[in-house]
Amino acid sequence: MRPFRLHEPTTVSEALAVLSERGDSARLYAGGTELLLAMKAGFLEYDDLVNVKTIAGLDAITTDADGNLHIGPTATHRELETSTLIAECFPLLADVEHHVANVRVRNVGTIGGNLCFAEPHSDPATVFNLFGTNVEITGPMGPRLLGIGELQKGPYETAVGDDEVLTDIVMQAIPKGVRSAYLKFGYHHRPTLGVGVALMLDGDGTVEDVRIAVGSVSPVPFRVQEAETIINGEKMSAVLADDSSVAAEAGRIAAESADAVSDLHGSAEYKQHLVSVFVKRALAAAANAPEHQV
């Protein structure tokens, strides 16, 4: 790997100043689990790396007065996995983080780096799409807020400008009574498929609200809102029945909605088949999950 200068700012303003001064030769550096590998392989070359891990407070994990969870972008996967606050407020996220890559990667890799590298096979990005999540991006003109679906524009491409820094990830508080589950499948180091479901049932088992998110099969994770629409208002027992046309239709819609990409994880057709199968499995897992109590 060619030599580079490592800058270690202590504030967001200092980081922005380096990005402004060095221009295209500089990139932000957090855990480096993706960036350094790409640089070693010769796919990327930069003269300057700006280490955002030296910015105090950018790794904080807190909640606000409304119960929303704020995750600092330099928090590591391991910190999210072991956070008692996340285990209490967003247990599904903690569980998903526990299965990200391996312990070595989780100890070093950051959640902000994961989102901003926009690697298509990302479990956390899919979970963030499942819940109401926004990201704060700060640049020379100040902070701006984007929905998580607006952040990743394609594989390895985000809406974060070259002169901007991701400064906050905000997950909206989960209402009491929500049930959720995340299932993934794959033979390789990265998942071939990830499907998340969050749902709310009323007293007689009717679906009041459901959210379905799919990741890893397409360039970016996505919500399957058309499939959600046909499930809302249905009895969950009917949705999960062996001969359920609702579950089959939801799986078909999700599979067709996925802009599936053929790669070393499988063909596009294979991935679409997996989506259609795992949507029903994830619905069943969520229906049988404990209700959120916070």
Protein backbone atom coordinates (compact mmCIF):
# COMPACT_ATOMS: atom_id res chain seq x y z
CA MET A 1 0.00 0.00 0.00
CA ARG A 2 1.37 3.41 -0.94
CA PRO A 3 2.22 5.82 1.91
CA PHE A 4 -0.39 8.31 3.13
CA ARG A 5 -0.71 11.06 5.74
CA LEU A 6 -2.95 10.30 8.70
CA HIS A 7 -4.77 13.30 10.16
CA GLU A 8 -6.27 13.05 13.65
CA PRO A 9 -8.71 15.93 14.22
CA THR A 10 -10.36 16.39 17.61
CA THR A 11 -13.52 18.13 16.34
CA VAL A 12 -15.84 17.80 13.37
CA SER A 13 -14.82 21.30 12.27
CA GLU A 14 -11.16 20.26 12.14
CA ALA A 15 -12.06 17.19 10.07
CA LEU A 16 -14.05 19.33 7.65
CA ALA A 17 -11.14 21.76 7.35
CA VAL A 18 -8.78 18.93 6.34
CA LEU A 19 -11.27 17.64 3.77
CA SER A 20 -11.63 21.13 2.36
CA GLU A 21 -7.89 21.73 2.22
CA ARG A 22 -6.85 18.36 0.77
CA GLY A 23 -9.78 17.92 -1.64
CA ASP A 24 -10.03 14.68 -3.61
CA SER A 25 -6.78 13.36 -2.15
CA ALA A 26 -8.41 12.92 1.29
CA ARG A 27 -10.97 10.48 2.64
CA LEU A 28 -12.44 9.82 6.06
CA TYR A 29 -11.09 6.87 8.01
CA ALA A 30 -12.83 5.11 10.89
CA GLY A 31 -12.30 1.39 11.50
CA GLY A 32 -10.64 0.82 8.14
CA THR A 33 -11.98 -2.74 7.80
CA GLU A 34 -13.21 -1.96 4.27
CA LEU A 35 -11.17 1.08 3.21
CA LEU A 36 -7.71 -0.25 4.04
CA LEU A 37 -8.41 -3.55 2.29
CA ALA A 38 -9.46 -1.67 -0.85
CA MET A 39 -6.33 0.49 -0.65
CA LYS A 40 -4.08 -2.52 -0.14
CA ALA A 41 -5.64 -4.17 -3.17
CA GLY A 42 -4.98 -1.05 -5.23
CA PHE A 43 -8.65 -0.30 -5.89
CA LEU A 44 -8.44 3.05 -4.06
CA GLU A 45 -5.58 5.52 -3.59
CA TYR A 46 -5.54 8.51 -1.22
CA ASP A 47 -2.73 10.74 -0.03
CA ASP A 48 -4.55 11.70 3.18
CA LEU A 49 -6.80 9.79 5.58
CA VAL A 50 -8.78 11.70 8.22
CA ASN A 51 -9.26 9.60 11.35
CA VAL A 52 -12.67 10.51 12.78
CA LYS A 53 -12.21 8.14 15.73
CA THR A 54 -10.17 10.86 17.43
CA ILE A 55 -13.21 13.18 17.57
CA ALA A 56 -14.53 13.09 21.12
CA GLY A 57 -18.17 12.09 21.53
CA LEU A 58 -18.62 10.78 18.01
CA ASP A 59 -18.91 7.27 19.43
CA ALA A 60 -21.65 8.09 21.95
CA ILE A 61 -24.79 5.92 22.24
CA THR A 62 -27.63 7.83 23.92
CA THR A 63 -31.39 8.38 23.93
CA ASP A 64 -33.25 11.67 23.83
CA ALA A 65 -36.36 12.84 25.69
CA ASP A 66 -38.61 11.19 23.08
CA GLY A 67 -36.92 7.82 23.47
CA ASN A 68 -35.14 8.01 20.11
CA LEU A 69 -31.79 6.26 19.98
CA HIS A 70 -28.76 8.28 18.87
CA ILE A 71 -25.76 6.26 17.68
CA GLY A 72 -22.45 8.00 17.08
CA PRO A 73 -20.93 6.88 13.77
CA THR A 74 -17.58 5.87 15.26
CA ALA A 75 -19.22 3.43 17.67
CA THR A 76 -17.92 -0.04 16.81
CA HIS A 77 -20.08 -3.02 15.99
CA ARG A 78 -18.89 -4.59 19.23
CA GLU A 79 -20.02 -1.55 21.21
CA LEU A 80 -23.47 -1.77 19.62
CA GLU A 81 -23.56 -5.50 20.28
CA THR A 82 -22.76 -5.12 23.99
CA SER A 83 -24.55 -1.84 24.74
CA THR A 84 -27.09 -2.28 27.54
CA LEU A 85 -28.99 0.74 26.20
CA ILE A 86 -29.38 -0.81 22.74
CA ALA A 87 -30.26 -4.19 24.28
CA GLU A 88 -33.06 -2.43 26.14
CA CYS A 89 -34.32 -0.08 23.41
CA PHE A 90 -33.51 -1.99 20.21
CA PRO A 91 -32.76 -5.63 21.08
CA LEU A 92 -33.02 -6.70 17.44
CA LEU A 93 -30.15 -4.39 16.50
CA ALA A 94 -27.98 -5.80 19.29
CA ASP A 95 -28.71 -9.35 18.12
CA VAL A 96 -27.94 -8.52 14.49
CA GLU A 97 -24.67 -6.83 15.47
CA HIS A 98 -23.68 -9.99 17.36
CA HIS A 99 -23.65 -11.84 14.02
CA VAL A 100 -21.79 -9.24 11.95
CA ALA A 101 -18.64 -10.76 10.41
CA ASN A 102 -16.39 -11.93 13.30
CA VAL A 103 -15.14 -10.60 16.63
CA ARG A 104 -12.02 -9.05 15.11
CA VAL A 105 -14.07 -7.05 12.61
CA ARG A 106 -16.68 -6.09 15.22
CA ASN A 107 -13.98 -4.80 17.57
CA VAL A 108 -12.58 -2.45 14.91
CA GLY A 109 -15.27 -1.74 12.34
CA THR A 110 -17.61 1.19 12.99
CA ILE A 111 -21.28 1.54 12.22
CA GLY A 112 -20.70 4.83 10.41
CA GLY A 113 -17.99 3.28 8.27
CA ASN A 114 -20.32 0.38 7.48
CA LEU A 115 -23.07 2.71 6.28
CA CYS A 116 -20.81 5.11 4.39
CA PHE A 117 -18.86 2.41 2.59
CA ALA A 118 -22.28 1.18 1.37
CA GLU A 119 -21.22 -2.41 0.90
CA PRO A 120 -24.41 -4.09 -0.39
CA HIS A 121 -24.17 -7.06 1.99
CA SER A 122 -24.77 -5.13 5.22
CA ASP A 123 -27.02 -6.47 7.95
CA PRO A 124 -27.15 -3.25 10.04
CA ALA A 125 -28.21 -1.17 7.02
CA THR A 126 -31.16 -3.51 6.46
CA VAL A 127 -32.23 -3.25 10.11
CA PHE A 128 -32.03 0.55 9.95
CA ASN A 129 -34.34 0.44 6.91
CA LEU A 130 -36.78 -1.66 8.92
CA PHE A 131 -37.23 1.06 11.52
CA GLY A 132 -37.64 4.80 11.15
CA THR A 133 -33.98 5.83 10.97
CA ASN A 134 -32.46 9.15 9.97
CA VAL A 135 -28.85 10.18 9.59
CA GLU A 136 -27.29 13.56 10.28
CA ILE A 137 -24.62 14.67 7.83
CA THR A 138 -22.51 17.72 8.62
CA GLY A 139 -20.69 19.83 6.05
CA PRO A 140 -19.43 23.38 5.54
CA MET A 141 -23.01 24.69 5.53
CA GLY A 142 -23.95 22.86 8.73
CA PRO A 143 -25.92 19.68 9.43
CA ARG A 144 -28.63 18.17 7.24
CA LEU A 145 -30.94 15.23 7.91
CA LEU A 146 -31.62 12.34 5.54
CA GLY A 147 -33.80 9.26 5.78
CA ILE A 148 -31.82 6.04 5.84
CA GLY A 149 -33.26 5.14 2.45
CA GLU A 150 -31.76 8.29 1.00
CA LEU A 151 -28.25 7.67 2.34
CA GLN A 152 -27.14 4.76 0.19
CA LYS A 153 -27.63 5.57 -3.48
CA GLY A 154 -26.03 2.41 -4.85
CA PRO A 155 -23.25 -0.09 -4.15
CA TYR A 156 -20.33 1.81 -2.58
CA GLU A 157 -22.09 5.13 -3.24
CA THR A 158 -23.80 7.41 -0.72
CA ALA A 159 -25.32 10.86 -0.51
CA VAL A 160 -22.48 12.01 1.78
CA GLY A 161 -20.45 14.67 -0.04
CA ASP A 162 -16.67 14.64 -0.25
CA ASP A 163 -16.63 17.60 2.16
CA GLU A 164 -19.14 16.13 4.66
CA VAL A 165 -19.07 13.87 7.72
CA LEU A 166 -21.74 11.53 9.06
CA THR A 167 -22.30 12.80 12.61
CA ASP A 168 -25.37 10.98 13.98
CA ILE A 169 -27.66 8.00 13.38
CA VAL A 170 -31.13 8.39 14.87
CA MET A 171 -33.53 5.47 15.31
CA GLN A 172 -37.08 6.39 16.25
CA ALA A 173 -38.34 4.87 19.49
CA ILE A 174 -40.07 1.50 19.02
CA PRO A 175 -43.67 1.53 20.31
CA LYS A 176 -44.53 -0.89 23.09
CA GLY A 177 -45.94 -4.14 21.72
CA VAL A 178 -43.91 -4.30 18.50
CA ARG A 179 -42.53 -7.72 17.62
CA SER A 180 -39.52 -8.03 15.33
CA ALA A 181 -37.18 -10.56 13.76
CA TYR A 182 -34.25 -10.65 11.35
CA LEU A 183 -33.24 -13.71 9.38
CA LYS A 184 -30.23 -14.05 7.14
CA PHE A 185 -28.81 -16.75 4.95
CA GLY A 186 -25.46 -17.32 3.28
CA TYR A 187 -22.52 -19.65 2.89
CA HIS A 188 -19.87 -16.96 2.55
CA HIS A 189 -18.37 -14.43 4.97
CA ARG A 190 -21.02 -11.91 3.93
CA PRO A 191 -24.74 -12.76 3.89
CA THR A 192 -26.51 -13.72 0.66
CA LEU A 193 -29.82 -12.48 2.05
CA GLY A 194 -31.20 -10.59 5.03
CA VAL A 195 -34.91 -10.13 5.75
CA GLY A 196 -36.27 -8.11 8.67
CA VAL A 197 -39.87 -7.84 9.87
CA ALA A 198 -41.42 -5.62 12.52
CA LEU A 199 -45.13 -5.86 13.25
CA MET A 200 -47.83 -4.79 15.64
CA LEU A 201 -50.81 -7.06 16.37
CA ASP A 202 -54.05 -6.05 18.02
CA GLY A 203 -55.82 -8.05 20.72
CA ASP A 204 -57.34 -10.58 18.34
CA GLY A 205 -54.19 -11.17 16.29
CA THR A 206 -54.92 -8.80 13.42
CA VAL A 207 -51.94 -7.02 11.87
CA GLU A 208 -52.20 -3.32 12.71
CA ASP A 209 -48.88 -2.43 11.11
CA VAL A 210 -46.04 -4.36 9.48
CA ARG A 211 -42.69 -3.41 8.02
CA ILE A 212 -40.56 -5.63 5.81
CA ALA A 213 -36.97 -4.85 4.83
CA VAL A 214 -34.74 -6.84 2.50
CA GLY A 215 -31.00 -6.55 2.12
CA SER A 216 -27.91 -8.13 0.50
CA VAL A 217 -29.69 -9.32 -2.65
CA SER A 218 -29.73 -5.95 -4.40
CA PRO A 219 -27.49 -2.86 -4.67
CA VAL A 220 -29.09 -1.27 -1.56
CA PRO A 221 -31.40 -2.51 1.21
CA PHE A 222 -35.04 -1.54 0.82
CA ARG A 223 -38.51 -1.56 2.39
CA VAL A 224 -41.17 -3.65 0.63
CA GLN A 225 -44.12 -1.33 1.17
CA GLU A 226 -46.41 -2.98 -1.39
CA ALA A 227 -46.07 -6.30 0.42
CA GLU A 228 -46.70 -4.55 3.74
CA THR A 229 -49.97 -3.12 2.38
CA ILE A 230 -51.50 -6.51 1.57
CA ILE A 231 -50.64 -7.88 5.04
CA ASN A 232 -51.99 -4.97 7.07
CA GLY A 233 -55.49 -5.70 8.35
CA GLU A 234 -55.15 -9.47 7.95
CA LYS A 235 -55.27 -12.02 10.74
CA MET A 236 -51.71 -13.14 11.43
CA SER A 237 -52.84 -16.76 11.73
CA ALA A 238 -54.28 -16.55 8.22
CA VAL A 239 -51.14 -14.92 6.86
CA LEU A 240 -49.00 -17.75 8.22
CA ALA A 241 -51.32 -20.61 7.24
CA ASP A 242 -49.71 -23.28 5.06
CA ASP A 243 -51.96 -22.40 2.14
CA SER A 244 -51.84 -18.63 2.71
CA SER A 245 -52.15 -16.68 -0.51
CA VAL A 246 -51.28 -13.49 1.41
CA ALA A 247 -47.85 -14.71 2.52
CA ALA A 248 -47.17 -16.15 -0.93
CA GLU A 249 -48.13 -12.87 -2.57
CA ALA A 250 -46.03 -10.87 -0.12
CA GLY A 251 -43.04 -13.08 -0.90
CA ARG A 252 -43.64 -12.75 -4.64
CA ILE A 253 -43.86 -8.96 -4.42
CA ALA A 254 -40.69 -8.76 -2.33
CA ALA A 255 -38.83 -11.01 -4.77
CA GLU A 256 -39.94 -8.99 -7.78
CA SER A 257 -39.17 -5.70 -6.01
CA ALA A 258 -35.60 -6.78 -5.34
CA ASP A 259 -33.22 -5.53 -7.97
CA ALA A 260 -31.34 -8.79 -7.47
CA VAL A 261 -27.74 -8.89 -8.64
CA SER A 262 -25.86 -12.02 -9.67
CA ASP A 263 -22.52 -12.32 -7.87
CA LEU A 264 -20.42 -14.88 -6.00
CA HIS A 265 -23.27 -15.20 -3.50
CA GLY A 266 -25.63 -16.58 -6.15
CA SER A 267 -27.59 -15.78 -9.27
CA ALA A 268 -30.29 -13.12 -9.34
CA GLU A 269 -32.94 -15.82 -9.81
CA TYR A 270 -31.64 -17.78 -6.83
CA LYS A 271 -31.71 -14.69 -4.64
CA GLN A 272 -35.27 -13.85 -5.70
CA HIS A 273 -36.32 -17.37 -4.73
CA LEU A 274 -34.67 -16.95 -1.33
CA VAL A 275 -36.53 -13.66 -0.77
CA SER A 276 -39.89 -15.25 -1.52
CA VAL A 277 -39.18 -18.07 0.96
CA PHE A 278 -37.61 -16.02 3.75
CA VAL A 279 -40.30 -13.31 3.84
CA LYS A 280 -42.81 -15.83 5.22
CA ARG A 281 -40.22 -17.28 7.61
CA ALA A 282 -39.38 -13.80 8.92
CA LEU A 283 -43.07 -12.99 9.34
CA ALA A 284 -43.50 -16.16 11.42
CA ALA A 285 -40.40 -15.40 13.48
CA ALA A 286 -41.63 -11.88 14.23
CA ALA A 287 -45.14 -13.09 15.13
CA ASN A 288 -43.62 -15.48 17.66
CA ALA A 289 -41.09 -12.98 19.05
CA PRO A 290 -41.70 -11.33 22.44
CA GLU A 291 -43.38 -7.93 22.45
CA HIS A 292 -41.21 -4.86 22.90
CA GLN A 293 -41.77 -3.58 26.45
CA VAL A 294 -39.92 -0.22 26.63
